[in-house]
N, C-alpha and C. Protein backbone atom coordinates (compact mmCIF):
# COMPACT_ATOMS: atom_id res chain seq x y z
N MET A 1 0.51 -194.21 41.22
CA MET A 1 0.94 -194.27 40.06
C MET A 1 -0.40 -194.13 39.03
N LYS A 2 -1.12 -195.23 39.28
CA LYS A 2 -1.81 -195.79 38.11
C LYS A 2 -3.43 -194.63 38.85
N ILE A 3 -3.09 -194.69 40.14
CA ILE A 3 -4.30 -194.39 40.80
C ILE A 3 -4.29 -192.78 40.76
N THR A 4 -3.15 -192.05 40.48
CA THR A 4 -3.20 -189.96 39.80
C THR A 4 -3.81 -190.47 38.45
N ASN A 5 -3.57 -191.16 37.96
CA ASN A 5 -4.05 -191.30 36.32
C ASN A 5 -5.47 -191.23 36.23
N ALA A 6 -5.80 -192.16 37.01
CA ALA A 6 -6.97 -192.43 36.85
C ALA A 6 -7.97 -191.47 37.51
N ILE A 7 -7.68 -190.60 38.30
CA ILE A 7 -8.12 -189.72 38.75
C ILE A 7 -7.83 -188.49 37.97
N GLU A 8 -6.68 -188.21 37.13
CA GLU A 8 -6.23 -187.02 36.68
C GLU A 8 -7.11 -187.04 35.19
N ALA A 9 -7.20 -188.21 34.65
CA ALA A 9 -7.54 -188.23 33.34
C ALA A 9 -9.44 -187.95 33.01
N PRO A 10 -10.24 -187.98 33.93
CA PRO A 10 -11.50 -187.79 33.51
C PRO A 10 -11.58 -186.43 33.98
N VAL A 11 -10.81 -185.52 34.70
CA VAL A 11 -10.90 -184.46 35.01
C VAL A 11 -10.25 -183.75 33.99
N ALA A 12 -9.06 -183.90 33.43
CA ALA A 12 -8.23 -183.41 32.29
C ALA A 12 -8.63 -183.42 30.62
N SER A 13 -9.71 -184.34 30.89
CA SER A 13 -10.46 -184.66 29.45
C SER A 13 -11.43 -183.55 28.55
N SER A 14 -11.76 -182.57 30.07
CA SER A 14 -12.91 -181.88 29.51
C SER A 14 -12.48 -180.48 29.64
N SER A 15 -11.13 -179.94 29.80
CA SER A 15 -10.68 -178.78 29.65
C SER A 15 -11.07 -177.80 28.61
N GLU A 16 -11.27 -177.86 27.80
CA GLU A 16 -11.53 -177.16 26.55
C GLU A 16 -13.03 -176.98 26.85
N GLN A 17 -14.19 -177.34 27.06
CA GLN A 17 -15.50 -177.41 26.95
C GLN A 17 -16.00 -176.34 28.81
N HIS A 18 -15.14 -176.65 29.88
CA HIS A 18 -15.47 -176.16 31.42
C HIS A 18 -14.54 -174.95 31.73
N MET A 19 -14.77 -174.23 32.47
CA MET A 19 -13.79 -173.50 33.21
C MET A 19 -12.86 -174.30 33.56
N THR A 20 -11.86 -173.68 34.21
CA THR A 20 -10.52 -174.60 34.63
C THR A 20 -10.33 -173.97 36.40
N PHE A 21 -9.70 -174.54 37.20
CA PHE A 21 -8.90 -173.71 38.28
C PHE A 21 -8.19 -174.43 38.31
N MET A 22 -7.27 -174.16 38.80
CA MET A 22 -5.82 -174.32 38.92
C MET A 22 -5.29 -175.49 38.00
N GLY A 23 -5.85 -174.97 36.98
CA GLY A 23 -5.42 -176.20 35.64
C GLY A 23 -6.52 -177.47 35.66
N LEU A 24 -7.34 -177.42 36.46
CA LEU A 24 -8.19 -178.47 36.45
C LEU A 24 -9.80 -178.00 36.05
N PRO A 25 -10.43 -178.70 34.57
CA PRO A 25 -12.04 -178.41 34.50
C PRO A 25 -12.46 -178.74 35.53
N ILE A 26 -13.57 -177.62 35.76
CA ILE A 26 -14.61 -177.45 36.82
C ILE A 26 -15.61 -178.55 36.31
N ASP A 27 -15.57 -179.97 36.63
CA ASP A 27 -16.55 -180.81 35.67
C ASP A 27 -16.34 -182.28 36.49
N GLY A 28 -17.02 -182.57 36.54
CA GLY A 28 -17.50 -183.89 36.98
C GLY A 28 -17.61 -183.97 38.66
N SER A 29 -17.51 -185.12 39.54
CA SER A 29 -17.78 -185.74 40.84
C SER A 29 -17.30 -184.87 41.51
N LEU A 30 -17.48 -184.92 42.54
CA LEU A 30 -17.08 -183.86 43.92
C LEU A 30 -15.75 -184.60 44.39
N ASP A 31 -16.03 -185.71 44.45
CA ASP A 31 -15.02 -186.67 44.78
C ASP A 31 -14.22 -186.79 44.03
N LEU A 32 -14.20 -186.63 42.76
CA LEU A 32 -12.51 -186.57 42.00
C LEU A 32 -12.04 -184.85 41.89
N PHE A 33 -13.09 -184.56 41.83
CA PHE A 33 -12.59 -182.91 42.17
C PHE A 33 -11.51 -182.68 43.26
N VAL A 34 -12.14 -183.32 44.39
CA VAL A 34 -11.18 -182.77 45.72
C VAL A 34 -10.24 -183.68 45.80
N ASP A 35 -10.56 -185.21 44.79
CA ASP A 35 -8.65 -185.26 45.22
C ASP A 35 -7.98 -184.72 44.22
N ALA A 36 -8.30 -184.71 43.11
CA ALA A 36 -7.32 -183.87 42.30
C ALA A 36 -6.35 -182.74 43.00
N LEU A 37 -7.55 -181.85 43.75
CA LEU A 37 -7.42 -180.73 44.79
C LEU A 37 -6.30 -180.96 46.06
N VAL A 38 -6.86 -182.27 46.29
CA VAL A 38 -5.83 -182.98 47.65
C VAL A 38 -4.28 -183.02 46.58
N GLY A 39 -4.51 -183.55 45.82
CA GLY A 39 -3.16 -183.90 45.08
C GLY A 39 -2.41 -182.40 44.61
N LYS A 40 -3.26 -181.67 44.53
CA LYS A 40 -2.24 -180.11 44.65
C LYS A 40 -1.76 -179.31 45.85
N GLY A 41 -2.21 -180.72 46.68
CA GLY A 41 -1.57 -179.68 48.34
C GLY A 41 -3.09 -179.16 49.19
N PHE A 42 -3.89 -179.63 48.87
CA PHE A 42 -4.88 -178.96 49.43
C PHE A 42 -5.49 -179.84 50.36
N LYS A 43 -5.77 -179.38 51.62
CA LYS A 43 -6.23 -180.64 52.55
C LYS A 43 -7.73 -180.45 52.83
N LEU A 44 -8.66 -181.36 52.99
CA LEU A 44 -10.25 -181.02 52.92
C LEU A 44 -10.34 -181.19 54.36
N ALA A 45 -11.13 -179.61 55.09
CA ALA A 45 -11.63 -179.93 55.87
C ALA A 45 -13.07 -180.33 56.07
N LYS A 46 -13.55 -180.22 55.28
CA LYS A 46 -15.15 -180.69 55.61
C LYS A 46 -15.99 -181.10 54.19
N LYS A 47 -16.56 -182.39 54.41
CA LYS A 47 -17.67 -182.23 52.87
C LYS A 47 -18.94 -182.47 53.76
N THR A 48 -20.28 -181.60 52.97
CA THR A 48 -21.38 -181.78 52.82
C THR A 48 -21.75 -182.31 52.04
N PRO A 49 -22.33 -183.57 52.35
CA PRO A 49 -23.21 -184.35 51.57
C PRO A 49 -24.00 -183.87 50.90
N ALA A 50 -24.70 -184.87 49.62
CA ALA A 50 -26.22 -184.29 48.94
C ALA A 50 -27.39 -184.86 49.75
N ALA A 51 -28.49 -184.32 49.83
CA ALA A 51 -29.43 -184.87 50.26
C ALA A 51 -30.90 -185.02 49.26
N ASP A 52 -31.37 -186.02 48.94
CA ASP A 52 -32.09 -185.52 48.04
C ASP A 52 -32.13 -185.29 46.92
N GLY A 53 -30.93 -185.33 46.38
CA GLY A 53 -30.44 -184.67 45.03
C GLY A 53 -30.42 -182.92 45.20
N SER A 54 -30.25 -182.36 46.52
CA SER A 54 -29.67 -181.22 46.75
C SER A 54 -28.34 -181.32 46.26
N PRO A 55 -27.85 -179.97 45.98
CA PRO A 55 -26.05 -179.83 45.76
C PRO A 55 -25.24 -180.03 47.39
N SER A 56 -23.76 -180.50 46.84
CA SER A 56 -23.27 -181.40 48.05
C SER A 56 -22.45 -179.74 47.82
N SER A 57 -21.25 -179.80 48.85
CA SER A 57 -19.89 -178.59 48.86
C SER A 57 -18.68 -179.52 49.76
N ALA A 58 -17.51 -179.04 49.33
CA ALA A 58 -16.55 -179.32 49.92
C ALA A 58 -15.56 -178.46 50.41
N LEU A 59 -14.72 -178.27 51.44
CA LEU A 59 -14.62 -177.15 52.18
C LEU A 59 -12.81 -177.69 52.02
N LEU A 60 -11.93 -177.33 51.57
CA LEU A 60 -10.56 -176.67 51.20
C LEU A 60 -9.51 -176.15 51.79
N ASN A 61 -8.77 -176.41 52.26
CA ASN A 61 -7.34 -175.63 52.82
C ASN A 61 -6.03 -175.51 52.21
N GLY A 62 -5.92 -174.41 51.85
CA GLY A 62 -4.23 -174.62 51.51
C GLY A 62 -3.82 -173.09 50.71
N SER A 63 -2.85 -173.36 49.84
CA SER A 63 -2.04 -171.84 49.07
C SER A 63 -2.82 -172.06 47.96
N PHE A 64 -2.98 -170.35 47.10
CA PHE A 64 -4.00 -170.49 46.29
C PHE A 64 -3.27 -168.99 45.75
N ALA A 65 -2.86 -168.97 44.33
CA ALA A 65 -2.19 -167.89 43.89
C ALA A 65 -1.05 -167.09 44.72
N GLY A 66 -0.38 -167.87 45.17
CA GLY A 66 0.89 -167.31 45.94
C GLY A 66 0.15 -166.63 47.65
N PHE A 67 -0.56 -167.14 47.91
CA PHE A 67 -1.62 -166.50 49.14
C PHE A 67 -1.78 -167.58 49.83
N LYS A 68 -1.20 -167.78 51.02
CA LYS A 68 -1.06 -169.04 51.66
C LYS A 68 -2.77 -168.75 52.97
N ASP A 69 -3.12 -170.19 53.42
CA ASP A 69 -4.44 -170.46 54.19
C ASP A 69 -5.22 -169.48 53.67
N CYS A 70 -5.84 -170.07 52.17
CA CYS A 70 -6.91 -169.92 51.92
C CYS A 70 -8.11 -170.72 51.95
N SER A 71 -9.30 -170.56 51.77
CA SER A 71 -10.21 -171.60 52.05
C SER A 71 -11.05 -171.67 50.46
N VAL A 72 -11.07 -173.24 50.35
CA VAL A 72 -11.62 -173.09 49.06
C VAL A 72 -13.19 -174.27 48.94
N THR A 73 -13.97 -173.33 48.31
CA THR A 73 -14.94 -174.42 48.59
C THR A 73 -15.73 -174.73 47.25
N VAL A 74 -15.84 -175.87 47.08
CA VAL A 74 -15.62 -176.43 46.00
C VAL A 74 -18.05 -177.05 46.00
N LYS A 75 -18.43 -176.60 44.96
CA LYS A 75 -19.99 -176.46 44.69
C LYS A 75 -20.46 -177.05 43.83
N THR A 76 -21.69 -178.10 43.77
CA THR A 76 -22.07 -178.94 42.99
C THR A 76 -23.79 -178.83 42.23
N ALA A 77 -24.08 -178.66 41.39
CA ALA A 77 -25.18 -178.68 40.59
C ALA A 77 -25.71 -179.88 40.77
N GLY A 78 -26.86 -179.86 41.86
CA GLY A 78 -27.95 -180.85 41.86
C GLY A 78 -26.89 -181.74 42.72
N PRO A 79 -27.07 -183.33 42.29
CA PRO A 79 -26.68 -184.01 43.35
C PRO A 79 -25.29 -184.29 43.34
N ASP A 80 -24.24 -184.11 42.25
CA ASP A 80 -22.95 -184.79 42.28
C ASP A 80 -22.27 -183.86 40.69
N LEU A 81 -22.09 -183.00 40.67
CA LEU A 81 -21.52 -182.38 39.52
C LEU A 81 -20.94 -181.24 39.51
N VAL A 82 -19.81 -181.21 40.07
CA VAL A 82 -19.18 -179.52 40.20
C VAL A 82 -19.52 -178.84 39.26
N CYS A 83 -19.84 -177.75 39.64
CA CYS A 83 -20.14 -176.27 39.15
C CYS A 83 -19.50 -175.09 39.26
N GLN A 84 -18.69 -174.71 41.00
CA GLN A 84 -18.49 -173.57 41.33
C GLN A 84 -17.29 -174.39 42.30
N VAL A 85 -16.43 -173.04 41.98
CA VAL A 85 -15.50 -173.05 43.17
C VAL A 85 -15.17 -171.47 43.25
N ASP A 86 -15.39 -171.33 45.11
CA ASP A 86 -15.03 -169.98 45.44
C ASP A 86 -13.81 -170.42 46.25
N VAL A 87 -13.08 -168.95 46.30
CA VAL A 87 -11.56 -168.78 47.13
C VAL A 87 -12.05 -167.66 47.80
N ASP A 88 -11.58 -167.55 49.61
CA ASP A 88 -11.27 -167.07 50.31
C ASP A 88 -10.32 -166.60 50.58
N PHE A 89 -9.89 -165.47 50.39
CA PHE A 89 -8.16 -165.31 50.85
C PHE A 89 -8.50 -165.09 52.39
N PRO A 90 -7.28 -165.03 53.02
CA PRO A 90 -7.40 -164.88 54.71
C PRO A 90 -8.15 -163.68 55.55
N VAL A 91 -9.12 -164.02 55.89
CA VAL A 91 -9.74 -162.70 56.64
C VAL A 91 -8.75 -162.08 58.15
N GLY A 92 -9.55 -160.97 57.87
CA GLY A 92 -8.88 -159.92 59.34
C GLY A 92 -7.99 -159.25 58.81
N ASP A 93 -7.56 -159.55 57.53
CA ASP A 93 -6.44 -157.62 56.65
C ASP A 93 -7.03 -156.56 56.99
N TYR A 94 -6.48 -155.65 57.07
CA TYR A 94 -6.96 -154.57 56.97
C TYR A 94 -7.60 -153.80 55.71
N TRP A 95 -8.67 -153.19 55.84
CA TRP A 95 -9.21 -152.84 54.58
C TRP A 95 -7.89 -152.85 53.11
N ALA A 96 -6.98 -151.76 53.62
CA ALA A 96 -5.68 -150.69 52.80
C ALA A 96 -4.90 -152.28 52.26
N VAL A 97 -4.97 -153.73 53.15
CA VAL A 97 -4.14 -154.39 52.39
C VAL A 97 -5.32 -155.72 51.46
N ALA A 98 -6.62 -155.49 51.91
CA ALA A 98 -6.82 -156.12 50.62
C ALA A 98 -7.36 -155.29 49.60
N VAL A 99 -7.57 -154.47 49.66
CA VAL A 99 -7.80 -153.23 48.20
C VAL A 99 -6.14 -153.71 47.61
N LYS A 100 -5.27 -153.47 48.20
CA LYS A 100 -4.01 -153.74 47.22
C LYS A 100 -3.88 -154.97 46.77
N ARG A 101 -4.58 -156.13 47.62
CA ARG A 101 -4.55 -157.72 46.75
C ARG A 101 -5.54 -157.59 45.80
N TYR A 102 -6.73 -157.18 45.99
CA TYR A 102 -7.36 -157.00 45.07
C TYR A 102 -6.86 -156.28 43.52
N ALA A 103 -6.19 -155.55 43.77
CA ALA A 103 -5.70 -154.88 42.67
C ALA A 103 -4.60 -155.52 41.45
N LEU A 104 -4.09 -156.53 42.53
CA LEU A 104 -2.87 -157.18 42.00
C LEU A 104 -3.74 -158.43 41.70
N LEU A 105 -4.63 -158.99 42.25
CA LEU A 105 -5.23 -160.09 41.49
C LEU A 105 -5.94 -159.58 40.43
N ALA A 106 -6.77 -158.45 40.20
CA ALA A 106 -7.45 -158.13 39.05
C ALA A 106 -6.20 -157.97 37.77
N SER A 107 -5.18 -157.16 38.33
CA SER A 107 -4.29 -157.26 37.28
C SER A 107 -3.59 -158.77 36.38
N PHE A 108 -3.57 -159.65 37.37
CA PHE A 108 -3.12 -161.13 37.25
C PHE A 108 -4.20 -161.83 36.28
N LEU A 109 -5.69 -161.38 37.16
CA LEU A 109 -6.65 -162.12 36.03
C LEU A 109 -7.01 -161.48 34.61
N ALA A 110 -6.66 -160.26 34.68
CA ALA A 110 -6.69 -159.10 33.55
C ALA A 110 -5.70 -159.65 32.33
N SER A 111 -4.72 -159.88 32.84
CA SER A 111 -3.49 -160.64 31.75
C SER A 111 -3.49 -161.86 31.22
N LYS A 112 -4.49 -162.71 32.40
CA LYS A 112 -5.15 -164.19 31.74
C LYS A 112 -5.73 -164.15 30.89
N TYR A 113 -7.03 -163.49 31.21
CA TYR A 113 -8.53 -163.59 30.90
C TYR A 113 -8.84 -162.09 29.85
N GLY A 114 -7.95 -160.98 29.68
CA GLY A 114 -8.43 -159.83 29.42
C GLY A 114 -9.06 -158.87 30.26
N ARG A 115 -9.69 -157.83 29.64
CA ARG A 115 -10.17 -156.81 30.50
C ARG A 115 -11.44 -157.53 30.83
N PRO A 116 -12.13 -157.31 32.48
CA PRO A 116 -12.94 -157.37 32.75
C PRO A 116 -14.45 -157.26 32.01
N GLU A 117 -15.32 -157.79 32.06
CA GLU A 117 -16.53 -157.42 30.86
C GLU A 117 -17.57 -156.24 32.33
N GLU A 118 -17.17 -156.59 33.57
CA GLU A 118 -18.22 -156.03 34.47
C GLU A 118 -17.24 -155.24 35.60
N GLU A 119 -17.29 -153.84 36.05
CA GLU A 119 -16.36 -153.78 37.00
C GLU A 119 -16.88 -152.76 37.89
N LEU A 120 -17.46 -152.92 39.05
CA LEU A 120 -18.67 -152.50 39.70
C LEU A 120 -17.06 -152.01 41.17
N SER A 121 -17.92 -151.21 42.27
CA SER A 121 -17.25 -150.88 42.73
C SER A 121 -16.58 -152.19 43.88
N TRP A 122 -15.28 -152.75 43.69
CA TRP A 122 -14.63 -153.58 44.43
C TRP A 122 -15.06 -154.75 43.71
N VAL A 123 -15.58 -154.85 42.79
CA VAL A 123 -16.15 -156.38 42.02
C VAL A 123 -15.63 -156.27 40.63
N SER A 124 -15.34 -157.38 40.17
CA SER A 124 -14.97 -157.24 39.06
C SER A 124 -15.16 -158.66 38.02
N VAL A 125 -15.54 -158.88 36.76
CA VAL A 125 -16.52 -160.02 36.28
C VAL A 125 -15.49 -160.27 34.84
N PHE A 126 -14.89 -161.64 35.15
CA PHE A 126 -14.39 -161.71 33.74
C PHE A 126 -15.42 -162.87 33.00
N ARG A 127 -15.49 -162.53 31.61
CA ARG A 127 -16.03 -163.77 31.41
C ARG A 127 -15.56 -164.50 29.97
N THR A 128 -15.50 -165.78 29.79
CA THR A 128 -14.80 -166.42 29.17
C THR A 128 -15.76 -167.58 28.26
N LYS A 129 -15.49 -168.09 27.26
CA LYS A 129 -16.79 -168.98 26.69
C LYS A 129 -17.12 -170.29 27.40
N THR A 130 -16.46 -170.85 28.50
CA THR A 130 -16.59 -171.49 29.21
C THR A 130 -17.40 -171.33 30.43
N GLY A 131 -17.27 -169.77 31.01
CA GLY A 131 -17.55 -169.41 32.37
C GLY A 131 -17.64 -168.03 32.82
N LYS A 132 -17.52 -168.19 34.34
CA LYS A 132 -17.23 -166.68 34.62
C LYS A 132 -16.43 -166.68 35.98
N ILE A 133 -15.37 -165.75 35.73
CA ILE A 133 -14.64 -165.60 36.87
C ILE A 133 -15.49 -164.20 37.86
N THR A 134 -15.17 -164.08 39.24
CA THR A 134 -16.00 -162.87 39.71
C THR A 134 -14.86 -162.74 41.14
N LEU A 135 -14.14 -161.55 40.91
CA LEU A 135 -13.13 -161.10 42.09
C LEU A 135 -13.84 -160.37 42.67
N SER A 136 -13.88 -159.96 44.10
CA SER A 136 -14.63 -159.11 45.07
C SER A 136 -13.79 -159.15 46.10
N SER A 137 -14.31 -157.41 46.75
CA SER A 137 -13.49 -157.49 47.96
C SER A 137 -14.68 -156.30 48.73
N SER A 138 -15.00 -156.35 50.08
CA SER A 138 -15.67 -156.06 50.49
C SER A 138 -15.36 -155.89 52.20
N ARG A 139 -15.74 -155.03 52.89
CA ARG A 139 -15.67 -154.54 54.44
C ARG A 139 -16.87 -153.92 54.87
N PRO A 140 -16.89 -154.71 56.13
CA PRO A 140 -18.07 -154.48 56.73
C PRO A 140 -17.76 -153.21 57.38
N ARG A 141 -19.45 -152.70 57.79
CA ARG A 141 -19.71 -151.20 57.55
C ARG A 141 -18.70 -150.98 58.97
N LEU A 142 -17.83 -149.95 59.29
CA LEU A 142 -17.31 -149.48 60.51
C LEU A 142 -16.63 -150.68 61.22
N SER A 143 -15.69 -150.69 60.06
CA SER A 143 -14.81 -151.91 60.45
C SER A 143 -13.45 -151.89 59.87
N MET A 144 -12.56 -151.81 60.42
CA MET A 144 -11.08 -151.93 59.51
C MET A 144 -10.25 -152.83 58.26
N GLU A 145 -11.34 -153.77 58.79
CA GLU A 145 -10.82 -155.51 58.23
C GLU A 145 -11.42 -155.15 57.20
N GLY A 146 -11.04 -155.80 55.82
CA GLY A 146 -11.69 -156.10 54.31
C GLY A 146 -11.55 -157.84 54.10
N SER A 147 -12.46 -158.26 53.53
CA SER A 147 -12.43 -159.51 52.63
C SER A 147 -12.33 -159.42 50.88
N LEU A 148 -11.74 -160.95 50.65
CA LEU A 148 -11.49 -160.87 49.24
C LEU A 148 -11.49 -162.27 48.61
N SER A 149 -12.51 -162.65 47.85
CA SER A 149 -13.02 -163.66 47.38
C SER A 149 -12.78 -163.59 45.92
N LEU A 150 -12.96 -165.00 44.88
CA LEU A 150 -12.71 -165.51 44.01
C LEU A 150 -13.76 -166.41 43.92
N SER A 151 -14.35 -166.36 42.82
CA SER A 151 -15.72 -167.35 42.33
C SER A 151 -15.45 -167.86 40.81
N TYR A 152 -15.32 -169.20 40.34
CA TYR A 152 -14.89 -169.67 39.18
C TYR A 152 -16.12 -170.55 39.08
N ILE A 153 -17.13 -170.06 37.85
CA ILE A 153 -18.32 -170.46 37.86
C ILE A 153 -18.37 -171.15 36.55
N ASP A 154 -18.74 -172.67 36.39
CA ASP A 154 -18.41 -173.44 35.01
C ASP A 154 -19.81 -172.90 34.15
N LYS A 155 -20.15 -172.37 33.01
CA LYS A 155 -20.83 -172.37 32.37
C LYS A 155 -21.84 -173.64 31.68
N ALA A 156 -21.16 -174.62 31.71
CA ALA A 156 -22.04 -175.81 31.20
C ALA A 156 -22.68 -176.55 32.10
N ASN A 157 -21.81 -176.44 33.35
CA ASN A 157 -22.56 -177.28 34.44
C ASN A 157 -23.51 -176.54 35.82
N ASP A 158 -23.08 -175.31 35.15
CA ASP A 158 -24.05 -174.31 35.87
C ASP A 158 -25.71 -174.73 35.33
N ALA A 159 -26.14 -174.65 34.76
CA ALA A 159 -27.22 -174.95 33.40
C ALA A 159 -28.31 -175.80 34.68
N PRO A 160 -27.17 -176.93 35.07
CA PRO A 160 -28.85 -177.70 35.90
C PRO A 160 -29.22 -176.68 37.30
N GLU A 161 -28.27 -176.06 37.71
CA GLU A 161 -28.56 -175.18 39.11
C GLU A 161 -29.74 -174.56 38.81
N LYS A 162 -29.44 -173.67 37.82
CA LYS A 162 -30.56 -172.86 37.29
C LYS A 162 -31.89 -173.47 36.90
N LYS A 163 -31.97 -175.01 36.27
CA LYS A 163 -32.99 -175.58 36.90
C LYS A 163 -33.56 -175.41 38.05
N LEU A 164 -32.64 -176.19 39.14
CA LEU A 164 -33.47 -176.34 39.99
C LEU A 164 -33.42 -175.13 40.78
N THR A 165 -33.51 -173.93 40.61
CA THR A 165 -33.75 -173.01 41.19
C THR A 165 -34.77 -172.52 40.69
N GLY A 166 -35.35 -172.63 38.98
CA GLY A 166 -36.60 -172.30 38.26
C GLY A 166 -37.58 -173.43 38.93
N ILE A 167 -36.99 -174.36 39.30
CA ILE A 167 -38.45 -175.46 39.94
C ILE A 167 -38.52 -175.03 41.41
N LEU A 168 -37.54 -174.34 42.25
CA LEU A 168 -37.47 -173.91 43.66
C LEU A 168 -38.71 -172.74 43.68
N TYR A 169 -37.95 -171.95 42.13
CA TYR A 169 -38.85 -170.87 42.31
C TYR A 169 -40.06 -171.06 41.91
N GLU A 170 -40.71 -172.35 41.09
CA GLU A 170 -42.43 -172.53 40.91
C GLU A 170 -42.88 -172.68 41.94
N GLN A 171 -41.85 -173.36 42.74
CA GLN A 171 -42.72 -174.14 44.04
C GLN A 171 -43.08 -173.01 45.02
N ALA A 172 -41.98 -171.84 45.11
CA ALA A 172 -42.51 -171.01 45.97
C ALA A 172 -43.75 -170.15 45.39
N ILE A 173 -43.59 -169.88 44.14
CA ILE A 173 -45.38 -169.51 43.42
C ILE A 173 -46.10 -170.07 44.17
N LYS A 174 -45.93 -171.08 43.87
CA LYS A 174 -47.32 -171.76 44.23
C LYS A 174 -47.50 -171.78 45.42
N ASP A 175 -46.79 -171.75 46.32
CA ASP A 175 -47.10 -171.98 47.86
C ASP A 175 -47.13 -170.49 48.12
N LEU A 176 -46.74 -169.75 47.75
CA LEU A 176 -47.21 -168.03 47.99
C LEU A 176 -48.10 -167.71 47.54
């Protein structure tokens, strides 16, 4: 019981400042966030450690929003600050099924976050004061299969990644 509270306390304390995923603020260390998702029934499939201050990630499998067999990728900005959670819904669905699921999820997201700020062909972006959520569906050319994904990006913790990208950009320009 004390372990659960220790895991949940740091995560739950910043929910007003950070985007949430399944009620969990997208903040803190990768290990704490993964532990909290495991506590919600996800199974850890793979963890990619950071190397020399680079971002790390974790892949988990489980049910999300009523869909079974989803893959959830938790990403960090820099060495160990969770900034993004991506959900990939089961692959191999017929395009027509992916389109129906896209419409269903888009309506659920709209009821929770309001109308999307951006809508393109099979992409809806919902912005909040704490981050953004992108729902997208795609279909490989000449294929009957479709894919569906959802991405939660925390506004506050995404900033370090932008700095890292800026450093990489500067280095690339210098090298080129």
